[in-house]
N, C-alpha and C. Protein backbone atom coordinates (compact mmCIF):
# COMPACT_ATOMS: atom_id res chain seq x y z
N MET A 1 29.72 -27.05 14.47
CA MET A 1 30.45 -26.07 13.69
C MET A 1 29.56 -24.82 13.50
N ASN A 2 30.07 -23.68 13.89
CA ASN A 2 29.32 -22.43 13.81
C ASN A 2 29.57 -21.78 12.45
N LEU A 3 28.53 -21.71 11.64
CA LEU A 3 28.64 -21.13 10.30
C LEU A 3 28.10 -19.71 10.24
N HIS A 4 27.71 -19.18 11.39
CA HIS A 4 27.12 -17.84 11.40
C HIS A 4 28.09 -16.77 10.90
N ARG A 5 29.32 -16.77 11.40
CA ARG A 5 30.29 -15.73 11.01
C ARG A 5 30.65 -15.80 9.53
N PRO A 6 30.99 -16.97 8.98
CA PRO A 6 31.30 -17.00 7.54
C PRO A 6 30.09 -16.63 6.68
N ALA A 7 28.90 -17.07 7.12
CA ALA A 7 27.71 -16.74 6.34
C ALA A 7 27.44 -15.23 6.38
N THR A 8 27.63 -14.62 7.54
CA THR A 8 27.46 -13.17 7.65
C THR A 8 28.47 -12.45 6.78
N ARG A 9 29.70 -12.93 6.78
CA ARG A 9 30.74 -12.30 5.97
C ARG A 9 30.41 -12.39 4.49
N LEU A 10 29.97 -13.55 4.04
CA LEU A 10 29.62 -13.72 2.62
C LEU A 10 28.39 -12.90 2.22
N THR A 11 27.36 -12.91 3.06
CA THR A 11 26.16 -12.16 2.69
C THR A 11 26.41 -10.66 2.72
N THR A 12 27.16 -10.18 3.72
CA THR A 12 27.48 -8.75 3.78
C THR A 12 28.32 -8.34 2.58
N GLY A 13 29.34 -9.13 2.28
CA GLY A 13 30.18 -8.82 1.12
C GLY A 13 29.41 -8.88 -0.18
N SER A 14 28.55 -9.85 -0.31
CA SER A 14 27.75 -9.98 -1.53
C SER A 14 26.80 -8.80 -1.68
N HIS A 15 26.19 -8.38 -0.57
CA HIS A 15 25.29 -7.22 -0.62
C HIS A 15 26.05 -5.96 -1.01
N ARG A 16 27.22 -5.77 -0.44
CA ARG A 16 28.02 -4.59 -0.77
C ARG A 16 28.45 -4.61 -2.24
N LEU A 17 28.85 -5.78 -2.73
CA LEU A 17 29.24 -5.88 -4.14
C LEU A 17 28.06 -5.56 -5.06
N ALA A 18 26.92 -6.13 -4.76
CA ALA A 18 25.75 -5.93 -5.62
C ALA A 18 25.28 -4.48 -5.61
N THR A 19 25.20 -3.87 -4.42
CA THR A 19 24.75 -2.47 -4.38
C THR A 19 25.77 -1.55 -5.01
N GLY A 20 27.06 -1.83 -4.83
CA GLY A 20 28.09 -1.02 -5.47
C GLY A 20 28.03 -1.13 -6.99
N ALA A 21 27.86 -2.36 -7.48
CA ALA A 21 27.77 -2.54 -8.94
C ALA A 21 26.53 -1.87 -9.50
N LEU A 22 25.42 -1.96 -8.79
CA LEU A 22 24.19 -1.32 -9.25
C LEU A 22 24.35 0.20 -9.25
N ARG A 23 24.97 0.74 -8.22
CA ARG A 23 25.18 2.19 -8.13
C ARG A 23 26.10 2.67 -9.26
N ARG A 24 27.20 1.94 -9.49
CA ARG A 24 28.12 2.34 -10.57
C ARG A 24 27.46 2.22 -11.93
N THR A 25 26.65 1.19 -12.12
CA THR A 25 25.95 1.01 -13.40
C THR A 25 24.95 2.15 -13.61
N ARG A 26 24.21 2.49 -12.57
CA ARG A 26 23.25 3.59 -12.68
C ARG A 26 23.95 4.91 -13.01
N ARG A 27 25.10 5.15 -12.36
CA ARG A 27 25.85 6.37 -12.65
C ARG A 27 26.37 6.37 -14.08
N TRP A 28 26.87 5.22 -14.55
CA TRP A 28 27.42 5.13 -15.90
C TRP A 28 26.32 5.39 -16.93
N VAL A 29 25.16 4.79 -16.75
CA VAL A 29 24.05 5.02 -17.67
C VAL A 29 23.61 6.48 -17.58
N GLY A 30 23.56 7.05 -16.38
CA GLY A 30 23.14 8.44 -16.20
C GLY A 30 24.08 9.43 -16.85
N ARG A 31 25.38 9.08 -16.93
CA ARG A 31 26.33 9.99 -17.57
C ARG A 31 26.13 10.07 -19.08
N GLY A 32 25.27 9.23 -19.63
CA GLY A 32 24.96 9.30 -21.05
C GLY A 32 24.03 10.44 -21.40
N ARG A 33 23.40 11.04 -20.39
CA ARG A 33 22.49 12.17 -20.62
C ARG A 33 23.28 13.38 -21.08
N ARG A 34 22.75 14.06 -22.08
CA ARG A 34 23.40 15.25 -22.63
C ARG A 34 22.72 16.49 -22.10
N ASP A 35 23.51 17.38 -21.52
CA ASP A 35 22.97 18.62 -20.97
C ASP A 35 22.77 19.69 -22.04
N ASP A 36 23.41 19.50 -23.21
CA ASP A 36 23.29 20.51 -24.26
C ASP A 36 22.04 20.30 -25.13
N LEU A 37 21.32 19.21 -24.90
CA LEU A 37 20.09 18.93 -25.64
C LEU A 37 18.90 18.97 -24.70
N THR A 38 17.70 19.05 -25.27
CA THR A 38 16.49 19.05 -24.46
C THR A 38 15.56 17.94 -24.91
N GLY A 39 14.60 17.63 -24.07
CA GLY A 39 13.59 16.64 -24.41
C GLY A 39 14.16 15.23 -24.51
N TRP A 40 13.53 14.44 -25.37
CA TRP A 40 13.91 13.05 -25.50
C TRP A 40 15.31 12.88 -26.09
N LYS A 41 15.78 13.88 -26.83
CA LYS A 41 17.10 13.79 -27.45
C LYS A 41 18.21 13.75 -26.40
N SER A 42 17.97 14.39 -25.26
CA SER A 42 19.01 14.41 -24.22
C SER A 42 19.20 13.04 -23.58
N ALA A 43 18.21 12.16 -23.69
CA ALA A 43 18.28 10.84 -23.05
C ALA A 43 18.73 9.73 -23.99
N ILE A 44 19.03 10.05 -25.24
CA ILE A 44 19.43 9.01 -26.19
C ILE A 44 20.68 8.28 -25.71
N GLY A 45 21.64 9.02 -25.16
CA GLY A 45 22.86 8.39 -24.65
C GLY A 45 22.58 7.38 -23.55
N CYS A 46 21.62 7.70 -22.69
CA CYS A 46 21.24 6.77 -21.62
C CYS A 46 20.66 5.48 -22.21
N TRP A 47 19.80 5.64 -23.22
CA TRP A 47 19.20 4.47 -23.85
C TRP A 47 20.24 3.63 -24.57
N VAL A 48 21.22 4.26 -25.20
CA VAL A 48 22.28 3.52 -25.88
C VAL A 48 23.09 2.73 -24.86
N ARG A 49 23.43 3.38 -23.74
CA ARG A 49 24.21 2.68 -22.71
C ARG A 49 23.40 1.53 -22.10
N ALA A 50 22.12 1.74 -21.86
CA ALA A 50 21.28 0.65 -21.34
C ALA A 50 21.21 -0.49 -22.34
N GLY A 51 21.13 -0.15 -23.63
CA GLY A 51 21.12 -1.18 -24.67
C GLY A 51 22.42 -1.96 -24.70
N LEU A 52 23.53 -1.28 -24.50
CA LEU A 52 24.83 -1.97 -24.46
C LEU A 52 24.88 -2.95 -23.28
N LEU A 53 24.34 -2.54 -22.15
CA LEU A 53 24.32 -3.43 -20.99
C LEU A 53 23.44 -4.65 -21.25
N LEU A 54 22.28 -4.42 -21.87
CA LEU A 54 21.41 -5.56 -22.20
C LEU A 54 22.08 -6.49 -23.19
N GLY A 55 22.76 -5.92 -24.17
CA GLY A 55 23.49 -6.74 -25.15
C GLY A 55 24.58 -7.56 -24.49
N ALA A 56 25.32 -6.96 -23.56
CA ALA A 56 26.36 -7.69 -22.84
C ALA A 56 25.77 -8.80 -21.99
N ALA A 57 24.62 -8.54 -21.34
CA ALA A 57 23.96 -9.58 -20.54
C ALA A 57 23.49 -10.72 -21.43
N TYR A 58 22.98 -10.39 -22.61
CA TYR A 58 22.53 -11.42 -23.55
C TYR A 58 23.72 -12.28 -24.00
N LEU A 59 24.84 -11.63 -24.33
CA LEU A 59 26.01 -12.39 -24.78
C LEU A 59 26.55 -13.27 -23.66
N LEU A 60 26.54 -12.76 -22.42
CA LEU A 60 26.98 -13.57 -21.29
C LEU A 60 26.06 -14.77 -21.09
N ALA A 61 24.75 -14.55 -21.20
CA ALA A 61 23.81 -15.67 -21.07
C ALA A 61 24.03 -16.71 -22.16
N ARG A 62 24.28 -16.26 -23.37
CA ARG A 62 24.56 -17.19 -24.48
C ARG A 62 25.84 -17.98 -24.22
N ALA A 63 26.87 -17.29 -23.72
CA ALA A 63 28.13 -17.97 -23.43
C ALA A 63 27.95 -19.01 -22.33
N ILE A 64 27.15 -18.68 -21.31
CA ILE A 64 26.92 -19.63 -20.22
C ILE A 64 26.12 -20.83 -20.70
N ARG A 65 25.14 -20.59 -21.58
CA ARG A 65 24.39 -21.72 -22.13
C ARG A 65 25.27 -22.61 -22.98
N ALA A 66 26.20 -22.02 -23.72
CA ALA A 66 27.10 -22.81 -24.57
C ALA A 66 28.15 -23.55 -23.74
N THR A 67 28.63 -22.91 -22.68
CA THR A 67 29.66 -23.50 -21.83
C THR A 67 29.28 -23.27 -20.37
N PRO A 68 28.50 -24.17 -19.78
CA PRO A 68 28.03 -23.97 -18.40
C PRO A 68 29.14 -23.87 -17.37
N ALA A 69 30.34 -24.34 -17.70
CA ALA A 69 31.44 -24.26 -16.74
C ALA A 69 31.82 -22.81 -16.43
N ILE A 70 31.46 -21.89 -17.31
CA ILE A 70 31.72 -20.47 -17.05
C ILE A 70 31.03 -20.03 -15.76
N MET A 71 29.86 -20.61 -15.48
CA MET A 71 29.14 -20.23 -14.28
C MET A 71 29.93 -20.58 -13.02
N TRP A 72 30.65 -21.70 -13.04
CA TRP A 72 31.48 -22.06 -11.88
C TRP A 72 32.59 -21.03 -11.68
N LEU A 73 33.18 -20.58 -12.77
CA LEU A 73 34.22 -19.57 -12.68
C LEU A 73 33.66 -18.26 -12.12
N LEU A 74 32.51 -17.83 -12.67
CA LEU A 74 31.89 -16.59 -12.19
C LEU A 74 31.48 -16.69 -10.73
N THR A 75 30.96 -17.84 -10.33
CA THR A 75 30.56 -18.05 -8.93
C THR A 75 31.77 -17.99 -8.01
N GLY A 76 32.85 -18.62 -8.41
CA GLY A 76 34.08 -18.57 -7.61
C GLY A 76 34.62 -17.16 -7.48
N LEU A 77 34.62 -16.42 -8.58
CA LEU A 77 35.08 -15.04 -8.54
C LEU A 77 34.20 -14.19 -7.63
N TRP A 78 32.88 -14.38 -7.74
CA TRP A 78 31.96 -13.61 -6.90
C TRP A 78 32.16 -13.93 -5.42
N LEU A 79 32.27 -15.22 -5.08
CA LEU A 79 32.45 -15.62 -3.69
C LEU A 79 33.76 -15.08 -3.11
N THR A 80 34.83 -15.11 -3.91
CA THR A 80 36.10 -14.57 -3.46
C THR A 80 36.00 -13.08 -3.20
N ALA A 81 35.38 -12.35 -4.13
CA ALA A 81 35.22 -10.90 -3.95
C ALA A 81 34.31 -10.61 -2.76
N ALA A 82 33.24 -11.37 -2.58
CA ALA A 82 32.33 -11.17 -1.45
C ALA A 82 33.03 -11.46 -0.14
N TRP A 83 33.85 -12.49 -0.10
CA TRP A 83 34.58 -12.84 1.12
C TRP A 83 35.52 -11.70 1.51
N ARG A 84 36.23 -11.15 0.52
CA ARG A 84 37.16 -10.04 0.80
C ARG A 84 36.41 -8.77 1.20
N THR A 85 35.30 -8.49 0.51
CA THR A 85 34.55 -7.27 0.79
C THR A 85 33.86 -7.34 2.14
N GLY A 86 33.41 -8.52 2.56
CA GLY A 86 32.69 -8.67 3.82
C GLY A 86 33.57 -8.91 5.01
N ARG A 87 34.88 -8.75 4.85
CA ARG A 87 35.84 -9.05 5.92
C ARG A 87 35.52 -8.32 7.21
N ASP A 88 35.25 -7.03 7.15
CA ASP A 88 35.04 -6.26 8.37
C ASP A 88 33.70 -6.54 9.04
N ALA A 89 32.82 -7.30 8.42
CA ALA A 89 31.52 -7.61 9.01
C ALA A 89 31.65 -8.54 10.21
N THR A 90 32.73 -9.33 10.27
CA THR A 90 32.88 -10.27 11.36
C THR A 90 34.08 -9.97 12.25
N GLU A 91 34.91 -9.02 11.86
CA GLU A 91 36.13 -8.77 12.64
C GLU A 91 35.93 -7.81 13.78
N GLU A 92 35.02 -6.84 13.65
CA GLU A 92 34.82 -5.85 14.69
C GLU A 92 33.38 -5.89 15.18
N PRO A 93 33.17 -5.53 16.44
CA PRO A 93 31.80 -5.40 16.91
C PRO A 93 31.10 -4.26 16.18
N ALA A 94 29.78 -4.32 16.13
CA ALA A 94 29.00 -3.34 15.39
C ALA A 94 29.15 -1.93 15.94
N GLU A 95 29.48 -1.78 17.22
CA GLU A 95 29.60 -0.45 17.81
C GLU A 95 30.73 0.36 17.18
N HIS A 96 31.75 -0.32 16.66
CA HIS A 96 32.92 0.37 16.14
C HIS A 96 32.77 0.81 14.69
N HIS A 97 31.72 0.38 14.03
CA HIS A 97 31.51 0.77 12.65
C HIS A 97 30.92 2.17 12.58
N THR A 98 31.39 2.93 11.63
CA THR A 98 30.76 4.22 11.40
C THR A 98 29.55 3.99 10.52
N ALA A 99 28.48 4.65 10.82
CA ALA A 99 27.23 4.43 10.09
C ALA A 99 27.36 4.94 8.66
N GLU A 100 26.79 4.19 7.75
CA GLU A 100 26.74 4.62 6.36
C GLU A 100 25.78 5.80 6.27
N PRO A 101 26.13 6.81 5.50
CA PRO A 101 25.23 7.96 5.42
C PRO A 101 23.94 7.58 4.69
N ASP A 102 22.86 8.14 5.16
CA ASP A 102 21.57 7.93 4.54
C ASP A 102 21.47 8.85 3.33
N THR A 103 21.25 8.28 2.16
CA THR A 103 21.21 9.06 0.93
C THR A 103 20.16 10.15 1.01
N ASP A 104 18.99 9.81 1.54
CA ASP A 104 17.93 10.82 1.65
C ASP A 104 18.35 11.98 2.53
N ALA A 105 19.04 11.69 3.63
CA ALA A 105 19.49 12.76 4.52
C ALA A 105 20.53 13.65 3.84
N VAL A 106 21.41 13.05 3.07
CA VAL A 106 22.43 13.83 2.36
C VAL A 106 21.78 14.71 1.30
N VAL A 107 20.80 14.15 0.57
CA VAL A 107 20.10 14.94 -0.44
C VAL A 107 19.34 16.09 0.21
N ARG A 108 18.69 15.83 1.35
CA ARG A 108 17.99 16.91 2.07
C ARG A 108 18.96 18.00 2.51
N LEU A 109 20.13 17.60 3.00
CA LEU A 109 21.13 18.58 3.41
C LEU A 109 21.57 19.43 2.23
N LEU A 110 21.83 18.78 1.09
CA LEU A 110 22.25 19.54 -0.10
C LEU A 110 21.15 20.49 -0.56
N ARG A 111 19.90 20.03 -0.52
CA ARG A 111 18.79 20.92 -0.90
C ARG A 111 18.69 22.11 0.05
N ASP A 112 18.93 21.88 1.35
CA ASP A 112 18.92 22.99 2.31
C ASP A 112 20.04 23.97 2.01
N LEU A 113 21.22 23.44 1.68
CA LEU A 113 22.35 24.31 1.37
C LEU A 113 22.13 25.07 0.07
N LEU A 114 21.44 24.44 -0.88
CA LEU A 114 21.14 25.12 -2.15
C LEU A 114 20.21 26.30 -1.92
N ALA A 115 19.19 26.11 -1.13
CA ALA A 115 18.23 27.16 -0.76
C ALA A 115 17.80 27.98 -1.97
N GLY A 116 17.43 27.30 -3.06
CA GLY A 116 16.95 27.98 -4.25
C GLY A 116 18.04 28.39 -5.22
N ALA A 117 19.31 28.26 -4.83
CA ALA A 117 20.42 28.60 -5.72
C ALA A 117 20.58 27.50 -6.77
N PRO A 118 21.19 27.80 -7.91
CA PRO A 118 21.36 26.78 -8.94
C PRO A 118 22.42 25.73 -8.61
N ALA A 119 23.35 26.05 -7.68
CA ALA A 119 24.42 25.11 -7.36
C ALA A 119 25.00 25.44 -5.99
N VAL A 120 25.76 24.49 -5.45
CA VAL A 120 26.47 24.69 -4.19
C VAL A 120 27.86 24.07 -4.33
N HIS A 121 28.87 24.77 -3.82
CA HIS A 121 30.24 24.26 -3.84
C HIS A 121 30.41 23.17 -2.79
N LEU A 122 31.27 22.20 -3.08
CA LEU A 122 31.54 21.15 -2.10
C LEU A 122 32.23 21.73 -0.87
N SER A 123 33.04 22.77 -1.06
CA SER A 123 33.71 23.38 0.09
C SER A 123 32.69 23.98 1.06
N THR A 124 31.60 24.54 0.53
CA THR A 124 30.54 25.08 1.38
C THR A 124 29.86 23.96 2.16
N ALA A 125 29.56 22.86 1.46
CA ALA A 125 28.92 21.71 2.13
C ALA A 125 29.84 21.13 3.19
N LEU A 126 31.14 21.03 2.89
CA LEU A 126 32.09 20.47 3.85
C LEU A 126 32.22 21.36 5.08
N THR A 127 32.26 22.67 4.88
CA THR A 127 32.33 23.61 6.01
C THR A 127 31.10 23.45 6.90
N HIS A 128 29.93 23.32 6.28
CA HIS A 128 28.69 23.14 7.04
C HIS A 128 28.75 21.84 7.84
N LEU A 129 29.19 20.75 7.21
CA LEU A 129 29.28 19.47 7.90
C LEU A 129 30.23 19.56 9.10
N GLN A 130 31.39 20.17 8.88
CA GLN A 130 32.38 20.23 9.95
C GLN A 130 31.93 21.14 11.09
N LYS A 131 31.14 22.17 10.79
CA LYS A 131 30.60 23.02 11.87
C LYS A 131 29.66 22.23 12.76
N HIS A 132 29.02 21.20 12.18
CA HIS A 132 28.06 20.41 12.94
C HIS A 132 28.65 19.07 13.40
N GLY A 133 29.99 18.97 13.44
CA GLY A 133 30.65 17.80 14.01
C GLY A 133 30.76 16.60 13.11
N HIS A 134 30.61 16.78 11.81
CA HIS A 134 30.75 15.65 10.87
C HIS A 134 31.93 15.91 9.95
N GLY A 135 32.51 14.85 9.45
CA GLY A 135 33.58 14.98 8.46
C GLY A 135 34.86 15.58 9.01
N GLU A 136 35.19 15.29 10.26
CA GLU A 136 36.42 15.80 10.83
C GLU A 136 37.62 15.25 10.05
N GLY A 137 38.49 16.13 9.62
CA GLY A 137 39.68 15.71 8.88
C GLY A 137 39.44 15.46 7.41
N TRP A 138 38.21 15.61 6.94
CA TRP A 138 37.92 15.39 5.52
C TRP A 138 38.42 16.56 4.70
N LYS A 139 38.70 16.25 3.46
CA LYS A 139 39.01 17.28 2.47
C LYS A 139 37.88 17.24 1.45
N VAL A 140 37.88 18.19 0.53
CA VAL A 140 36.83 18.24 -0.50
C VAL A 140 36.83 16.95 -1.32
N THR A 141 38.01 16.37 -1.57
CA THR A 141 38.07 15.13 -2.35
C THR A 141 37.40 13.98 -1.61
N ASP A 142 37.50 13.97 -0.26
CA ASP A 142 36.82 12.93 0.52
C ASP A 142 35.31 13.07 0.40
N LEU A 143 34.82 14.30 0.49
CA LEU A 143 33.38 14.54 0.36
C LEU A 143 32.90 14.17 -1.04
N ARG A 144 33.68 14.55 -2.05
CA ARG A 144 33.32 14.23 -3.44
C ARG A 144 33.19 12.72 -3.62
N ALA A 145 34.16 11.97 -3.11
CA ALA A 145 34.12 10.51 -3.25
C ALA A 145 32.90 9.92 -2.55
N ARG A 146 32.55 10.45 -1.39
CA ARG A 146 31.38 9.94 -0.67
C ARG A 146 30.08 10.28 -1.39
N LEU A 147 29.99 11.50 -1.93
CA LEU A 147 28.79 11.87 -2.68
C LEU A 147 28.63 11.02 -3.93
N GLU A 148 29.73 10.82 -4.65
CA GLU A 148 29.66 10.00 -5.87
C GLU A 148 29.32 8.56 -5.54
N ALA A 149 29.79 8.06 -4.39
CA ALA A 149 29.44 6.69 -3.98
C ALA A 149 27.95 6.56 -3.70
N LEU A 150 27.31 7.66 -3.29
CA LEU A 150 25.87 7.65 -3.05
C LEU A 150 25.08 7.90 -4.34
N GLY A 151 25.77 8.13 -5.44
CA GLY A 151 25.09 8.37 -6.71
C GLY A 151 24.72 9.82 -6.94
N ILE A 152 25.30 10.73 -6.16
CA ILE A 152 25.02 12.16 -6.31
C ILE A 152 26.03 12.73 -7.30
N PRO A 153 25.57 13.31 -8.41
CA PRO A 153 26.50 13.83 -9.42
C PRO A 153 27.27 15.05 -8.91
N VAL A 154 28.58 15.04 -9.10
CA VAL A 154 29.45 16.15 -8.73
C VAL A 154 30.13 16.65 -10.00
N HIS A 155 30.08 17.95 -10.21
CA HIS A 155 30.68 18.55 -11.41
C HIS A 155 32.00 19.23 -11.04
N PRO A 156 32.99 19.17 -11.94
CA PRO A 156 34.29 19.76 -11.63
C PRO A 156 34.28 21.28 -11.60
N LYS A 157 33.40 21.92 -12.37
CA LYS A 157 33.38 23.39 -12.39
C LYS A 157 31.95 23.89 -12.31
N VAL A 158 31.57 24.27 -11.10
CA VAL A 158 30.25 24.84 -10.86
C VAL A 158 30.48 26.27 -10.38
N LYS A 159 29.82 27.23 -11.03
CA LYS A 159 30.00 28.63 -10.65
C LYS A 159 28.97 29.04 -9.60
N VAL A 160 29.49 29.50 -8.48
CA VAL A 160 28.66 30.09 -7.43
C VAL A 160 29.38 31.36 -7.02
N GLY A 161 28.69 32.48 -7.14
CA GLY A 161 29.32 33.76 -6.81
C GLY A 161 30.47 34.10 -7.73
N GLY A 162 30.43 33.60 -8.96
CA GLY A 162 31.47 33.89 -9.94
C GLY A 162 32.72 33.04 -9.79
N ILE A 163 32.74 32.12 -8.83
CA ILE A 163 33.92 31.28 -8.60
C ILE A 163 33.62 29.86 -9.07
N PRO A 164 34.37 29.34 -10.06
CA PRO A 164 34.14 27.97 -10.52
C PRO A 164 34.99 26.96 -9.73
N THR A 165 34.35 25.99 -9.14
CA THR A 165 35.03 24.90 -8.44
C THR A 165 34.07 23.71 -8.34
N ARG A 166 34.53 22.61 -7.75
CA ARG A 166 33.68 21.42 -7.66
C ARG A 166 32.41 21.70 -6.87
N GLY A 167 31.30 21.14 -7.39
CA GLY A 167 30.04 21.34 -6.70
C GLY A 167 28.93 20.47 -7.22
N VAL A 168 27.74 20.68 -6.67
CA VAL A 168 26.54 19.94 -7.04
C VAL A 168 25.54 20.93 -7.60
N ARG A 169 24.95 20.58 -8.75
CA ARG A 169 23.94 21.42 -9.38
C ARG A 169 22.55 20.97 -8.95
N ALA A 170 21.68 21.94 -8.73
CA ALA A 170 20.31 21.63 -8.31
C ALA A 170 19.59 20.83 -9.38
N THR A 171 19.83 21.13 -10.66
CA THR A 171 19.14 20.41 -11.73
C THR A 171 19.52 18.93 -11.74
N ASP A 172 20.79 18.63 -11.48
CA ASP A 172 21.22 17.23 -11.43
C ASP A 172 20.63 16.52 -10.22
N LEU A 173 20.57 17.24 -9.11
CA LEU A 173 19.99 16.66 -7.89
C LEU A 173 18.51 16.34 -8.12
N ASP A 174 17.79 17.27 -8.80
CA ASP A 174 16.37 17.04 -9.09
C ASP A 174 16.19 15.91 -10.10
N ARG A 175 17.13 15.78 -11.04
CA ARG A 175 17.02 14.73 -12.06
C ARG A 175 17.26 13.35 -11.46
N VAL A 176 18.29 13.24 -10.62
CA VAL A 176 18.65 11.93 -10.05
C VAL A 176 17.77 11.57 -8.86
N PHE A 177 17.39 12.58 -8.06
CA PHE A 177 16.56 12.36 -6.88
C PHE A 177 15.34 13.29 -6.96
N PRO A 178 14.37 12.94 -7.81
CA PRO A 178 13.22 13.83 -7.97
C PRO A 178 12.42 13.95 -6.67
N THR A 179 11.92 15.15 -6.43
CA THR A 179 11.11 15.37 -5.23
C THR A 179 9.67 15.00 -5.53
N GLN A 180 9.00 14.52 -4.53
CA GLN A 180 7.59 14.20 -4.68
C GLN A 180 6.80 15.46 -4.41
N ALA A 181 6.07 15.91 -5.40
CA ALA A 181 5.26 17.11 -5.21
C ALA A 181 4.05 16.75 -4.35
N PRO A 182 3.68 17.62 -3.40
CA PRO A 182 2.51 17.31 -2.57
C PRO A 182 1.25 17.31 -3.44
N PRO A 183 0.33 16.41 -3.16
CA PRO A 183 -0.87 16.35 -3.98
C PRO A 183 -1.69 17.65 -3.87
N ALA A 184 -2.22 18.07 -4.99
CA ALA A 184 -3.01 19.29 -5.01
C ALA A 184 -4.33 19.05 -4.27
N GLU A 185 -4.79 20.10 -3.57
CA GLU A 185 -6.03 19.96 -2.85
C GLU A 185 -7.19 19.90 -3.82
N GLN A 186 -8.14 19.06 -3.51
CA GLN A 186 -9.32 18.92 -4.35
C GLN A 186 -10.30 20.04 -4.01
N PRO A 187 -10.87 20.71 -5.02
CA PRO A 187 -11.87 21.75 -4.73
C PRO A 187 -13.12 21.12 -4.14
N ARG A 188 -13.75 21.86 -3.24
CA ARG A 188 -14.94 21.33 -2.58
C ARG A 188 -16.20 21.75 -3.29
């Protein structure tokens, strides 16, 4: 009996579920940051949301210790979701899959498009992508969904050239994906 295909389907689906849940959780906690405050006060919302998550995990652990049968239910739900999510891992050859975008490459592209500006419109980014043979048939909403799936914050009203529309702010990009500053040269 060949168990390779079902195992691949379950592991692929489980990996996708876990990374998606982690990405959504990180975004939810990150949305607690307040832009109207500065310093440590701006991060209080993030700490509150992280505390709520820890509290929920503690309550779930207590419930599982009190009633271990809950773990069987959770395991069954996870396996069912992983099986459904990993469906395409075994149905098509790997050549037919479109590659997942590399987050670092997307962030680099956005930084290039920003070129020192405080923000960039999604329509500008989409036009650039389509000029270079990517995103054929995409609309701004498709690009927004893909950026948000990668954890890149998109704002509904970003002003560039006096025109407010959906876009990415450089400050949010720096906050979520900080750049590594090159080490300073040591004096001789």
